[in-house]
Protein backbone atom coordinates (compact mmCIF):
# COMPACT_ATOMS: atom_id res chain seq x y z
CA MET A 1 23.54 9.43 -10.15
CA ASN A 2 21.09 6.47 -11.74
CA ASP A 3 20.02 5.64 -9.22
CA PRO A 4 16.10 7.00 -8.59
CA ARG A 5 16.88 7.63 -4.77
CA ASP A 6 19.48 9.49 -5.50
CA LEU A 7 17.27 12.14 -8.28
CA SER A 8 14.38 12.21 -6.09
CA ILE A 9 16.71 13.62 -3.13
CA ALA A 10 17.05 17.04 -5.01
CA GLU A 11 13.62 17.06 -5.14
CA LEU A 12 12.97 16.87 -1.19
CA PRO A 13 13.64 20.24 1.40
CA PRO A 14 17.34 21.32 2.27
CA VAL A 15 16.66 19.37 5.74
CA LEU A 16 15.28 16.69 5.22
CA ALA A 17 17.54 16.19 1.96
CA THR A 18 20.94 16.24 4.12
CA ILE A 19 18.98 13.87 6.54
CA ALA A 20 18.22 11.66 3.74
CA HIS A 21 21.89 10.92 2.50
CA GLU A 22 22.85 9.80 6.19
CA ILE A 23 19.71 7.99 6.88
CA GLY A 24 18.19 7.12 3.39
CA ILE A 25 15.57 8.27 2.00
CA GLY A 26 13.22 5.49 3.26
CA ALA A 27 14.05 6.89 7.13
CA ALA A 28 13.87 10.07 6.06
CA LEU A 29 10.12 10.13 4.61
CA LYS A 30 9.17 8.55 7.54
CA LEU A 31 10.71 10.72 9.83
CA ALA A 32 8.55 13.72 7.60
CA GLN A 33 5.23 11.63 7.51
CA GLU A 34 5.46 11.03 11.39
CA TRP A 35 7.42 13.91 12.97
CA GLY A 36 6.55 16.58 9.70
CA GLY A 37 6.51 20.30 10.74
CA VAL A 38 7.65 19.86 14.50
CA ASP A 39 10.40 19.35 16.63
CA ILE A 40 12.02 16.35 17.78
CA SER A 41 14.79 16.11 20.63
CA VAL A 42 17.61 13.50 19.99
CA PRO A 43 18.46 12.13 23.44
CA ALA A 44 22.06 12.06 24.93
CA ARG A 45 22.79 8.15 24.04
CA MET A 46 20.29 7.04 21.49
CA THR A 47 18.84 3.14 22.34
CA SER A 48 16.92 0.80 20.30
CA ASP A 49 13.66 1.39 22.32
CA HIS A 50 13.49 5.30 21.69
CA PRO A 51 10.99 6.77 19.91
CA ILE A 52 13.43 7.76 16.34
CA ALA A 53 14.75 4.46 16.83
CA ARG A 54 11.74 2.26 16.92
CA LEU A 55 10.28 4.44 13.61
CA ILE A 56 13.19 4.36 11.47
CA GLY A 57 15.53 1.67 13.15
CA LEU A 58 18.16 1.63 15.75
CA GLU A 59 21.05 2.02 13.02
CA ALA A 60 19.28 4.93 11.03
CA GLY A 61 18.66 6.25 14.76
CA LEU A 62 22.32 6.43 15.36
CA LYS A 63 23.26 8.28 12.15
CA LEU A 64 20.37 10.67 12.40
CA HIS A 65 21.63 11.23 16.30
CA ARG A 66 25.80 11.58 14.63
CA LEU A 67 24.92 14.27 12.20
CA ILE A 68 22.36 16.69 14.60
CA VAL A 69 24.56 16.36 17.67
CA GLU A 70 28.08 15.78 16.35
CA ARG A 71 27.68 17.51 12.87
CA GLY A 72 25.35 20.42 14.38
CA LEU A 73 22.18 19.86 11.98
CA GLY A 74 19.27 21.75 13.92
CA ASP A 75 19.44 23.77 17.15
CA GLY A 76 22.72 22.50 18.24
CA VAL A 77 20.68 21.81 21.30
CA ARG A 78 19.75 18.11 20.30
CA ARG A 79 16.97 19.18 18.34
CA LEU A 80 15.66 19.69 14.87
CA GLU A 81 12.51 21.00 13.24
CA ILE A 82 11.68 17.84 10.54
CA PRO A 83 10.36 18.94 6.85
CA ARG A 84 6.57 18.41 6.29
CA GLY A 85 7.75 17.69 2.93
CA HIS A 86 4.42 17.35 1.36
CA TYR A 87 5.47 18.22 -1.65
CA ILE A 88 7.91 15.99 -2.49
CA GLY A 89 4.98 13.96 -4.17
CA SER A 90 3.86 10.40 -5.19
CA ARG A 91 7.81 9.86 -6.40
CA ALA A 92 8.54 9.85 -3.08
CA LEU A 93 5.79 7.74 -2.33
CA ARG A 94 6.98 5.08 -5.21
CA ILE A 95 10.18 4.65 -4.20
CA GLU A 96 9.03 4.34 -0.25
CA ILE A 97 6.15 1.25 -1.46
CA ARG A 98 9.26 -0.11 -4.18
CA GLU A 99 11.67 0.02 -1.22
CA ALA A 100 8.65 -2.01 1.75
CA VAL A 101 8.47 -4.52 -1.04
CA ALA A 102 12.32 -5.01 -1.44
CA GLY A 103 12.60 -5.09 1.84
CA GLY A 104 10.16 -8.30 2.36
CA MET A 105 6.36 -6.66 2.27
CA PRO A 106 3.85 -8.39 0.67
CA LYS A 107 2.84 -6.34 -1.95
CA ARG A 108 -0.98 -6.65 -0.28
CA GLN A 109 0.32 -5.03 2.97
CA ALA A 110 2.17 -2.48 0.71
CA ALA A 111 -1.12 -1.71 -0.88
CA LEU A 112 -3.08 -0.85 2.69
CA LYS A 113 -0.45 0.64 4.61
CA PHE A 114 0.56 3.25 1.89
CA GLY A 115 -3.23 3.25 0.69
CA VAL A 116 -3.13 2.23 -2.91
CA THR A 117 -4.21 -0.36 -4.98
CA ASN A 118 -2.73 -3.80 -5.58
CA ARG A 119 -2.37 -3.27 -9.03
CA ALA A 120 -0.91 -0.44 -8.05
CA VAL A 121 2.07 -1.50 -6.26
CA ARG A 122 2.16 -4.42 -9.28
CA LYS A 123 2.93 -1.26 -11.25
CA ILE A 124 5.03 0.81 -9.31
CA CYS A 125 7.58 -2.24 -8.38
CA ASN A 126 7.67 -3.13 -12.21
CA GLY A 127 8.67 0.46 -12.98
CA VAL A 128 5.50 1.20 -15.18
CA TYR A 129 5.00 4.65 -13.69
CA GLU A 130 8.61 5.49 -14.22
CA ARG A 131 9.16 8.31 -16.99
CA ASP A 132 11.61 7.22 -19.69
CA GLU A 133 14.61 10.25 -19.64
CA ARG A 134 15.29 9.91 -22.99
CA GLN A 135 11.66 11.51 -24.09
CA PRO A 136 11.62 15.34 -23.80
CA LYS A 137 9.12 16.91 -21.18
CA LEU A 138 6.31 18.15 -23.14
CA LEU A 139 6.04 20.95 -20.89
């Protein structure tokens, strides 16, 4: 429970949180960014060239497929409306940046991709923006 990704999943809209538990928060956030607010359809068989698999990777695509088709998330006809998730805020962005850099993306490229400064990426990766949970909330 001390993993910040677990804590931020609780801040997601319920459907997006369910998806994040299954495929990971980074992949779930990519879905929300790309197709938030619209329906996506999963094919009868997920392949690496399907747009979902190209966006989040085949492994995550297969997990999403199982979640929608086998476990019945969505309308039961291999279709699901992806929540927009805009209100998840900067914490989710920080997680996404940390995951990208940890996955090998150069910090400069992460700054350009996510629309932040190099300095912000360094601070995010060093945990500067994380609040100390021992400190009480002011409001």
